[in-house]
N, C-alpha and C. Protein backbone atom coordinates (compact mmCIF):
# COMPACT_ATOMS: atom_id res chain seq x y z
N MET A 1 -66.61 181.58 -128.50
CA MET A 1 -65.66 180.73 -127.85
C MET A 1 -64.99 179.68 -129.03
N GLU A 2 -63.68 179.43 -129.20
CA GLU A 2 -63.20 178.62 -130.04
C GLU A 2 -63.43 177.04 -129.47
N THR A 3 -63.49 176.21 -130.24
CA THR A 3 -63.65 174.79 -130.44
C THR A 3 -62.33 174.22 -130.48
N THR A 4 -61.76 173.40 -129.40
CA THR A 4 -60.67 172.46 -129.60
C THR A 4 -60.91 171.14 -130.49
N ARG A 5 -60.21 170.90 -131.29
CA ARG A 5 -60.68 169.57 -132.01
C ARG A 5 -59.55 168.52 -132.10
N HIS A 6 -59.58 167.53 -131.62
CA HIS A 6 -58.51 166.33 -131.70
C HIS A 6 -59.10 165.23 -132.53
N PHE A 7 -57.78 164.66 -133.33
CA PHE A 7 -58.32 163.62 -134.13
C PHE A 7 -58.02 162.10 -133.36
N THR A 8 -59.01 161.22 -133.51
CA THR A 8 -59.00 160.00 -132.49
C THR A 8 -59.42 158.89 -133.46
N ALA A 9 -59.11 157.80 -133.07
CA ALA A 9 -59.23 156.56 -133.88
C ALA A 9 -59.97 155.61 -132.87
N THR A 10 -61.09 154.65 -133.21
CA THR A 10 -61.86 153.81 -132.37
C THR A 10 -61.83 152.68 -133.12
N THR A 11 -61.72 151.48 -132.66
CA THR A 11 -62.03 150.03 -133.51
C THR A 11 -62.87 149.18 -132.85
N TYR A 12 -63.73 148.75 -133.52
CA TYR A 12 -64.66 147.52 -133.02
C TYR A 12 -64.08 146.50 -133.61
N ILE A 13 -63.44 145.53 -132.51
CA ILE A 13 -62.65 144.39 -132.91
C ILE A 13 -63.69 143.07 -132.72
N VAL A 14 -63.60 142.28 -133.65
CA VAL A 14 -64.31 141.19 -133.79
C VAL A 14 -63.96 139.87 -133.93
N ASN A 15 -64.66 138.99 -133.00
CA ASN A 15 -63.94 137.63 -133.01
C ASN A 15 -65.13 136.53 -132.78
N ASP A 16 -65.24 135.55 -133.79
CA ASP A 16 -66.28 134.61 -133.80
C ASP A 16 -67.59 135.25 -133.44
N GLY A 17 -68.26 136.27 -134.20
CA GLY A 17 -69.27 136.72 -134.21
C GLY A 17 -69.64 137.55 -133.10
N ALA A 18 -68.53 138.20 -132.31
CA ALA A 18 -68.85 139.08 -131.18
C ALA A 18 -67.99 140.34 -131.09
N THR A 19 -68.16 141.36 -130.51
CA THR A 19 -67.30 142.30 -130.58
C THR A 19 -67.24 142.69 -128.97
N ALA A 20 -65.81 143.22 -128.72
CA ALA A 20 -65.65 143.63 -127.35
C ALA A 20 -65.79 145.00 -127.03
N LEU A 21 -66.51 145.16 -125.74
CA LEU A 21 -66.54 146.61 -125.36
C LEU A 21 -65.93 146.62 -123.87
N HIS A 22 -65.55 147.64 -123.46
CA HIS A 22 -65.08 148.04 -121.82
C HIS A 22 -66.00 149.08 -121.11
N GLU A 23 -66.07 148.94 -119.92
CA GLU A 23 -66.49 149.79 -119.15
C GLU A 23 -65.52 151.22 -119.12
N HIS A 24 -65.72 152.27 -119.56
CA HIS A 24 -65.20 153.63 -119.78
C HIS A 24 -65.44 154.13 -118.05
N GLU A 25 -64.38 154.03 -117.25
CA GLU A 25 -64.54 154.58 -115.98
C GLU A 25 -65.06 155.93 -115.75
N ARG A 26 -64.33 156.66 -116.49
CA ARG A 26 -64.71 158.07 -116.26
C ARG A 26 -66.17 158.55 -116.73
N LEU A 27 -66.41 157.77 -118.16
CA LEU A 27 -67.86 158.05 -118.77
C LEU A 27 -68.95 157.45 -118.22
N GLY A 28 -68.63 156.22 -117.56
CA GLY A 28 -69.72 155.29 -117.22
C GLY A 28 -70.42 154.73 -118.21
N ILE A 29 -69.76 154.30 -119.29
CA ILE A 29 -70.31 153.82 -120.65
C ILE A 29 -69.54 152.84 -121.04
N ARG A 30 -70.25 151.79 -122.12
CA ARG A 30 -69.24 150.94 -122.37
C ARG A 30 -68.83 151.24 -124.03
N LEU A 31 -67.49 151.16 -124.26
CA LEU A 31 -66.75 151.52 -125.59
C LEU A 31 -65.79 150.44 -126.02
N PRO A 32 -65.65 150.46 -127.40
CA PRO A 32 -64.50 149.66 -127.88
C PRO A 32 -63.14 150.49 -127.63
N PRO A 33 -62.24 149.77 -127.97
CA PRO A 33 -60.88 150.49 -128.09
C PRO A 33 -60.84 151.76 -128.74
N GLY A 34 -60.15 152.62 -128.18
CA GLY A 34 -59.69 153.86 -128.95
C GLY A 34 -59.07 154.81 -128.25
N GLY A 35 -58.73 155.97 -129.00
CA GLY A 35 -57.91 156.89 -128.19
C GLY A 35 -57.44 158.03 -129.21
N HIS A 36 -56.65 158.87 -128.78
CA HIS A 36 -55.87 160.07 -129.52
C HIS A 36 -54.91 159.47 -130.53
N VAL A 37 -55.22 160.14 -131.56
CA VAL A 37 -54.04 159.87 -132.81
C VAL A 37 -52.72 160.72 -132.56
N ASP A 38 -51.63 160.03 -132.46
CA ASP A 38 -50.48 161.05 -132.02
C ASP A 38 -49.93 161.62 -133.11
N ARG A 39 -49.29 162.51 -132.86
CA ARG A 39 -48.66 163.37 -134.08
C ARG A 39 -48.10 162.72 -134.77
N ASP A 40 -47.23 161.44 -134.67
CA ASP A 40 -46.52 160.94 -135.62
C ASP A 40 -47.04 159.86 -136.29
N GLU A 41 -48.71 159.40 -136.11
CA GLU A 41 -49.56 158.68 -136.41
C GLU A 41 -50.36 159.12 -137.72
N LEU A 42 -50.67 157.95 -138.49
CA LEU A 42 -51.95 158.06 -139.08
C LEU A 42 -53.12 157.46 -138.40
N PRO A 43 -54.42 157.70 -138.71
CA PRO A 43 -55.36 157.25 -137.97
C PRO A 43 -55.31 155.74 -137.80
N HIS A 44 -55.02 155.19 -139.04
CA HIS A 44 -55.17 153.57 -139.03
C HIS A 44 -54.13 152.90 -138.12
N GLU A 45 -52.97 153.67 -138.01
CA GLU A 45 -51.88 153.21 -137.33
C GLU A 45 -52.55 153.48 -135.71
N SER A 46 -53.16 154.25 -135.44
CA SER A 46 -53.73 154.83 -133.98
C SER A 46 -54.48 153.63 -133.74
N ALA A 47 -55.34 153.41 -134.72
CA ALA A 47 -56.35 152.56 -134.39
C ALA A 47 -55.66 150.90 -133.93
N LEU A 48 -54.90 150.38 -134.69
CA LEU A 48 -54.13 149.34 -134.20
C LEU A 48 -53.28 149.38 -133.11
N ARG A 49 -52.54 150.56 -132.75
CA ARG A 49 -51.89 150.72 -131.63
C ARG A 49 -52.82 150.64 -130.30
N GLU A 50 -53.80 151.26 -130.24
CA GLU A 50 -55.01 151.48 -129.24
C GLU A 50 -55.51 149.88 -129.01
N VAL A 51 -55.94 149.18 -129.85
CA VAL A 51 -56.12 147.81 -129.87
C VAL A 51 -55.32 147.01 -128.86
N ARG A 52 -53.71 147.36 -129.48
CA ARG A 52 -52.94 146.25 -128.74
C ARG A 52 -52.70 146.80 -127.47
N GLU A 53 -52.45 148.02 -127.17
CA GLU A 53 -52.31 148.78 -125.86
C GLU A 53 -53.52 148.27 -124.95
N GLU A 54 -54.87 148.30 -125.28
CA GLU A 54 -56.10 148.00 -124.43
C GLU A 54 -56.44 146.84 -124.43
N THR A 55 -56.13 145.93 -125.25
CA THR A 55 -56.47 144.60 -125.23
C THR A 55 -55.45 143.57 -125.52
N GLY A 56 -54.31 144.09 -125.74
CA GLY A 56 -53.00 142.99 -126.05
C GLY A 56 -53.16 142.09 -127.24
N LEU A 57 -54.23 142.48 -127.93
CA LEU A 57 -54.53 141.71 -129.28
C LEU A 57 -53.97 142.38 -130.59
N THR A 58 -53.54 141.65 -131.48
CA THR A 58 -53.19 142.33 -132.58
C THR A 58 -54.56 142.03 -133.88
N ALA A 59 -54.75 143.32 -134.17
CA ALA A 59 -56.11 143.29 -135.03
C ALA A 59 -55.51 143.58 -136.47
N GLU A 60 -56.64 142.90 -137.36
CA GLU A 60 -56.43 143.21 -138.72
C GLU A 60 -57.54 144.07 -139.00
N LEU A 61 -57.41 145.02 -139.56
CA LEU A 61 -58.64 146.19 -139.95
C LEU A 61 -59.21 145.60 -141.18
N VAL A 62 -60.31 145.80 -141.19
CA VAL A 62 -61.28 145.21 -142.36
C VAL A 62 -61.58 146.76 -143.04
N ALA A 63 -61.05 146.94 -144.05
CA ALA A 63 -60.91 148.43 -144.79
C ALA A 63 -60.59 148.55 -145.86
N THR A 64 -61.15 149.13 -146.86
CA THR A 64 -60.80 149.51 -148.31
C THR A 64 -59.71 150.55 -148.32
N GLU A 65 -59.05 150.56 -149.45
CA GLU A 65 -58.01 151.32 -149.41
C GLU A 65 -57.97 151.84 -150.96
N SER A 66 -57.92 153.33 -151.03
CA SER A 66 -57.87 154.02 -152.21
C SER A 66 -56.94 153.35 -153.42
N SER A 67 -57.31 153.14 -154.47
CA SER A 67 -56.20 152.69 -155.53
C SER A 67 -55.69 153.67 -156.37
N ILE A 68 -56.17 154.81 -156.03
CA ILE A 68 -55.52 156.04 -156.82
C ILE A 68 -54.18 156.32 -156.28
N THR A 69 -53.20 156.56 -156.92
CA THR A 69 -51.75 156.78 -156.74
C THR A 69 -51.29 157.93 -157.62
N GLY A 70 -50.17 158.28 -157.03
CA GLY A 70 -49.62 159.54 -157.60
C GLY A 70 -47.99 159.56 -157.49
N PRO A 71 -47.49 160.26 -157.80
CA PRO A 71 -45.96 160.38 -157.63
C PRO A 71 -45.77 160.63 -156.08
N ASN A 72 -46.44 161.05 -155.16
CA ASN A 72 -46.37 161.50 -153.68
C ASN A 72 -47.52 161.14 -152.97
N THR A 73 -48.45 160.08 -153.76
CA THR A 73 -49.94 159.81 -153.24
C THR A 73 -49.98 158.28 -153.23
N ARG A 74 -50.59 157.96 -152.19
CA ARG A 74 -51.17 156.45 -151.90
C ARG A 74 -52.27 156.51 -151.13
N GLY A 75 -52.97 155.51 -151.24
CA GLY A 75 -54.24 155.07 -150.27
C GLY A 75 -53.64 154.84 -148.99
N ILE A 76 -54.83 155.06 -147.87
CA ILE A 76 -54.56 154.24 -146.69
C ILE A 76 -55.96 153.83 -146.39
N PRO A 77 -55.88 152.78 -145.26
CA PRO A 77 -56.95 152.15 -144.87
C PRO A 77 -58.06 153.05 -144.44
N GLU A 78 -59.48 153.23 -144.93
CA GLU A 78 -60.43 154.04 -144.65
C GLU A 78 -61.13 153.54 -143.62
N PRO A 79 -61.55 154.47 -142.73
CA PRO A 79 -62.43 154.18 -141.70
C PRO A 79 -63.91 153.97 -142.22
N ALA A 80 -64.58 153.13 -141.46
CA ALA A 80 -65.97 152.36 -141.56
C ALA A 80 -66.99 153.72 -141.59
N HIS A 81 -66.36 154.57 -140.80
CA HIS A 81 -67.27 155.99 -140.28
C HIS A 81 -66.33 157.17 -140.03
N LEU A 82 -66.69 158.11 -140.35
CA LEU A 82 -65.75 159.30 -139.76
C LEU A 82 -67.03 159.87 -139.02
N MET A 83 -66.54 160.25 -137.63
CA MET A 83 -67.56 160.88 -136.57
C MET A 83 -67.04 161.93 -136.02
N LEU A 84 -67.77 162.72 -135.65
CA LEU A 84 -67.54 163.99 -134.80
C LEU A 84 -68.54 163.85 -133.47
N HIS A 85 -67.60 163.94 -132.54
CA HIS A 85 -68.01 163.82 -131.18
C HIS A 85 -67.99 165.21 -130.40
N ASP A 86 -69.05 165.46 -129.77
CA ASP A 86 -68.96 166.80 -128.83
C ASP A 86 -68.35 166.33 -127.49
N ILE A 87 -67.34 166.86 -126.76
CA ILE A 87 -66.96 166.14 -125.62
C ILE A 87 -67.28 167.23 -124.70
N ASN A 88 -67.03 168.41 -124.53
CA ASN A 88 -67.37 169.51 -123.82
C ASN A 88 -68.36 170.10 -124.34
N VAL A 89 -69.62 170.22 -123.76
CA VAL A 89 -70.70 170.95 -124.20
C VAL A 89 -71.29 171.83 -123.13
N TYR A 90 -71.40 173.12 -123.22
CA TYR A 90 -71.44 174.09 -122.34
C TYR A 90 -73.01 174.43 -122.00
N GLU A 91 -73.59 174.87 -121.06
CA GLU A 91 -75.11 175.23 -120.95
C GLU A 91 -75.58 176.17 -121.98
N ASP A 92 -74.89 177.14 -122.55
CA ASP A 92 -75.50 177.88 -123.73
C ASP A 92 -75.08 177.18 -125.02
N GLY A 93 -74.71 175.84 -124.99
CA GLY A 93 -74.84 175.28 -126.14
C GLY A 93 -73.52 175.17 -127.01
N SER A 94 -72.70 175.92 -126.67
CA SER A 94 -71.31 176.14 -127.37
C SER A 94 -70.72 174.73 -127.03
N VAL A 95 -69.77 174.59 -127.83
CA VAL A 95 -68.98 173.04 -127.65
C VAL A 95 -67.62 173.64 -127.39
N GLY A 96 -66.84 173.17 -126.07
CA GLY A 96 -65.55 173.51 -126.08
C GLY A 96 -64.45 172.40 -126.56
N HIS A 97 -64.91 171.34 -127.02
CA HIS A 97 -63.74 170.17 -127.25
C HIS A 97 -64.68 169.06 -128.14
N GLN A 98 -64.01 168.89 -129.01
CA GLN A 98 -64.64 167.85 -129.87
C GLN A 98 -63.46 166.66 -130.44
N HIS A 99 -64.00 165.51 -130.80
CA HIS A 99 -63.17 164.36 -131.30
C HIS A 99 -63.80 164.15 -132.62
N ILE A 100 -62.73 164.20 -133.68
CA ILE A 100 -62.85 163.73 -134.99
C ILE A 100 -62.42 162.37 -135.04
N ASP A 101 -63.40 161.56 -135.00
CA ASP A 101 -63.32 160.00 -134.73
C ASP A 101 -63.31 159.27 -136.13
N HIS A 102 -62.11 158.66 -136.47
CA HIS A 102 -61.92 157.72 -137.43
C HIS A 102 -62.17 156.27 -136.74
N LEU A 103 -63.63 155.89 -137.28
CA LEU A 103 -63.75 154.45 -136.73
C LEU A 103 -63.83 153.35 -137.64
N TYR A 104 -62.98 152.45 -137.08
CA TYR A 104 -62.52 151.11 -137.75
C TYR A 104 -63.33 149.86 -137.15
N TYR A 105 -63.23 148.79 -138.45
CA TYR A 105 -63.51 147.53 -137.83
C TYR A 105 -62.54 146.51 -138.12
N ALA A 106 -62.13 145.66 -137.13
CA ALA A 106 -61.05 144.76 -137.43
C ALA A 106 -61.52 143.31 -136.91
N ARG A 107 -60.69 142.39 -137.27
CA ARG A 107 -60.78 141.16 -136.62
C ARG A 107 -59.49 140.82 -135.73
N VAL A 108 -59.67 140.12 -134.82
CA VAL A 108 -58.83 139.66 -134.02
C VAL A 108 -58.64 137.96 -133.83
N GLU A 109 -57.77 137.33 -133.51
CA GLU A 109 -57.89 136.04 -133.44
C GLU A 109 -58.22 135.34 -132.03
N SER A 110 -58.51 135.99 -131.12
CA SER A 110 -58.50 135.45 -129.79
C SER A 110 -59.30 136.50 -129.07
N ARG A 111 -60.04 135.81 -128.06
CA ARG A 111 -60.84 136.76 -127.04
C ARG A 111 -60.23 136.95 -125.64
N ALA A 112 -58.94 136.45 -125.88
CA ALA A 112 -58.22 136.84 -124.36
C ALA A 112 -57.52 138.17 -124.27
N ILE A 113 -58.11 139.00 -123.41
CA ILE A 113 -57.89 140.18 -123.17
C ILE A 113 -56.90 140.39 -122.13
N ASP A 114 -55.66 140.82 -122.52
CA ASP A 114 -54.27 141.19 -121.87
C ASP A 114 -53.81 142.38 -122.08
N PRO A 115 -54.11 143.72 -121.42
CA PRO A 115 -53.48 144.79 -121.87
C PRO A 115 -52.09 144.93 -122.03
N ASP A 116 -51.53 145.79 -122.99
CA ASP A 116 -50.14 145.76 -123.25
C ASP A 116 -49.76 147.21 -123.20
N GLY A 117 -50.79 147.94 -122.46
CA GLY A 117 -50.38 149.45 -122.33
C GLY A 117 -50.34 149.98 -120.73
N ASP A 118 -49.91 151.39 -120.47
CA ASP A 118 -49.56 151.53 -119.16
C ASP A 118 -51.09 151.77 -118.59
N ASP A 119 -51.57 151.84 -117.64
CA ASP A 119 -52.78 152.44 -116.92
C ASP A 119 -54.11 151.84 -117.71
N GLU A 120 -54.26 150.75 -118.17
CA GLU A 120 -55.43 150.14 -119.21
C GLU A 120 -56.34 149.69 -118.20
N VAL A 121 -57.65 149.83 -118.77
CA VAL A 121 -58.58 148.71 -118.01
C VAL A 121 -58.60 147.47 -117.73
N ASP A 122 -58.91 146.85 -116.50
CA ASP A 122 -58.33 145.70 -116.03
C ASP A 122 -59.41 144.88 -117.25
N PRO A 123 -58.90 143.35 -117.35
CA PRO A 123 -59.42 142.73 -118.39
C PRO A 123 -60.64 142.34 -117.99
N ASP A 124 -61.08 142.19 -116.41
CA ASP A 124 -62.55 141.84 -116.12
C ASP A 124 -63.63 142.99 -116.35
N ARG A 125 -63.17 144.02 -117.07
CA ARG A 125 -64.20 145.13 -117.43
C ARG A 125 -64.35 144.98 -118.89
N TRP A 126 -63.99 144.25 -119.31
CA TRP A 126 -64.29 144.05 -120.79
C TRP A 126 -65.29 142.82 -121.09
N ASP A 127 -66.34 142.89 -121.94
CA ASP A 127 -67.06 141.64 -122.27
C ASP A 127 -67.25 141.79 -123.84
N TRP A 128 -67.49 140.42 -124.26
CA TRP A 128 -67.89 140.15 -125.52
C TRP A 128 -69.40 140.14 -125.95
N TYR A 129 -69.62 140.87 -126.98
CA TYR A 129 -71.06 140.98 -127.32
C TYR A 129 -71.49 140.41 -128.68
N THR A 130 -72.39 139.60 -128.78
CA THR A 130 -72.78 139.03 -130.03
C THR A 130 -73.91 139.98 -130.58
N PRO A 131 -74.40 139.87 -131.75
CA PRO A 131 -75.38 140.73 -132.06
C PRO A 131 -76.60 140.60 -131.21
N ALA A 132 -77.11 139.37 -130.57
CA ALA A 132 -78.29 139.23 -129.90
C ALA A 132 -78.06 140.36 -128.44
N ASP A 133 -76.72 139.74 -128.11
CA ASP A 133 -76.39 140.26 -126.62
C ASP A 133 -76.84 142.03 -126.94
N LEU A 134 -76.14 142.41 -128.02
CA LEU A 134 -76.16 144.05 -128.23
C LEU A 134 -77.69 144.34 -128.17
N ALA A 135 -78.47 143.68 -129.03
CA ALA A 135 -79.97 143.97 -129.08
C ALA A 135 -80.55 144.06 -127.82
N ALA A 136 -80.24 143.24 -127.12
CA ALA A 136 -81.05 143.03 -125.74
C ALA A 136 -80.47 143.70 -124.59
N SER A 137 -79.46 144.71 -124.79
CA SER A 137 -78.68 145.36 -123.88
C SER A 137 -79.31 146.66 -123.54
N ASP A 138 -78.73 147.42 -122.80
CA ASP A 138 -79.27 148.83 -122.49
C ASP A 138 -77.95 149.90 -123.12
N LEU A 139 -77.18 149.32 -124.00
CA LEU A 139 -76.09 150.18 -124.53
C LEU A 139 -76.88 151.40 -125.33
N ALA A 140 -75.95 152.27 -125.41
CA ALA A 140 -76.34 153.53 -126.30
C ALA A 140 -76.51 152.96 -127.86
N ASP A 141 -77.68 153.59 -128.33
CA ASP A 141 -78.03 152.88 -129.66
C ASP A 141 -76.94 153.16 -130.49
N ASP A 142 -76.14 154.04 -130.77
CA ASP A 142 -74.77 154.21 -131.54
C ASP A 142 -73.99 152.88 -131.26
N VAL A 143 -73.73 152.72 -130.27
CA VAL A 143 -72.84 151.41 -129.83
C VAL A 143 -73.33 150.01 -130.44
N VAL A 144 -74.71 149.95 -130.09
CA VAL A 144 -75.18 148.92 -130.52
C VAL A 144 -75.29 148.62 -131.98
N ASN A 145 -75.72 149.56 -132.67
CA ASN A 145 -75.72 149.75 -134.08
C ASN A 145 -74.18 149.41 -134.67
N LEU A 146 -73.25 150.31 -134.14
CA LEU A 146 -71.88 149.99 -134.97
C LEU A 146 -71.20 148.64 -134.41
N GLY A 147 -71.55 148.32 -133.23
CA GLY A 147 -71.08 146.78 -133.02
C GLY A 147 -71.84 145.96 -133.80
N ARG A 148 -73.19 145.92 -134.25
CA ARG A 148 -73.78 144.84 -134.89
C ARG A 148 -73.05 145.10 -136.43
N GLU A 149 -73.01 146.42 -136.75
CA GLU A 149 -72.37 146.46 -138.21
C GLU A 149 -70.82 145.92 -138.19
N ALA A 150 -70.10 146.02 -137.34
CA ALA A 150 -68.98 145.67 -137.42
C ALA A 150 -68.83 144.12 -137.48
N ILE A 151 -69.61 143.62 -136.53
CA ILE A 151 -69.59 141.92 -136.57
C ILE A 151 -69.97 141.35 -138.04
N ALA A 152 -71.04 142.07 -138.76
CA ALA A 152 -71.56 142.03 -140.18
C ALA A 152 -70.27 142.21 -141.07
N ALA A 153 -69.61 143.13 -140.92
CA ALA A 153 -68.76 143.55 -141.77
C ALA A 153 -67.54 142.35 -141.84
N VAL A 154 -67.12 142.16 -140.39
CA VAL A 154 -66.21 141.08 -140.15
C VAL A 154 -66.35 139.60 -140.59
N ASP A 155 -67.25 139.34 -140.13
CA ASP A 155 -67.83 137.81 -139.81
C ASP A 155 -69.12 137.48 -140.85
N GLY A 156 -69.63 138.59 -141.43
CA GLY A 156 -70.78 138.24 -142.47
C GLY A 156 -72.04 137.79 -141.67
N ARG A 157 -72.11 138.16 -140.46
CA ARG A 157 -73.12 137.54 -139.76
C ARG A 157 -74.31 138.81 -139.55
């Protein structure tokens, strides 16, 4: 069986020592903003667009960029992590669909969630989590660890 792979971008946004997560309706878990990279986008552009659409906030990525240049070459913001997510796993262990996720950290100037896209999650389904909140939560370990890492990377906490 062939595995279908899509590029995605996810961004843990941080404001004043906390990161925002929303309840994903279909998956039943809490996640940061993110989604598929459009054909005409670079991953970091998708990350910023998804934040704007899902939260209404303007994000500033905290990312390094390669200083190597050439006649047709330049650096772009590098993700904090490059992750592979198995989306459809079948009983026989085969994987039908995967996301190659470019995971970024970013700062935002406000905690006022006001989605700017179509069919976005209601603002009431977003919560801000401090490192202590994340540690005390029943969230998935990767979400807790990445959330805490994002806060440390953006705010130095």
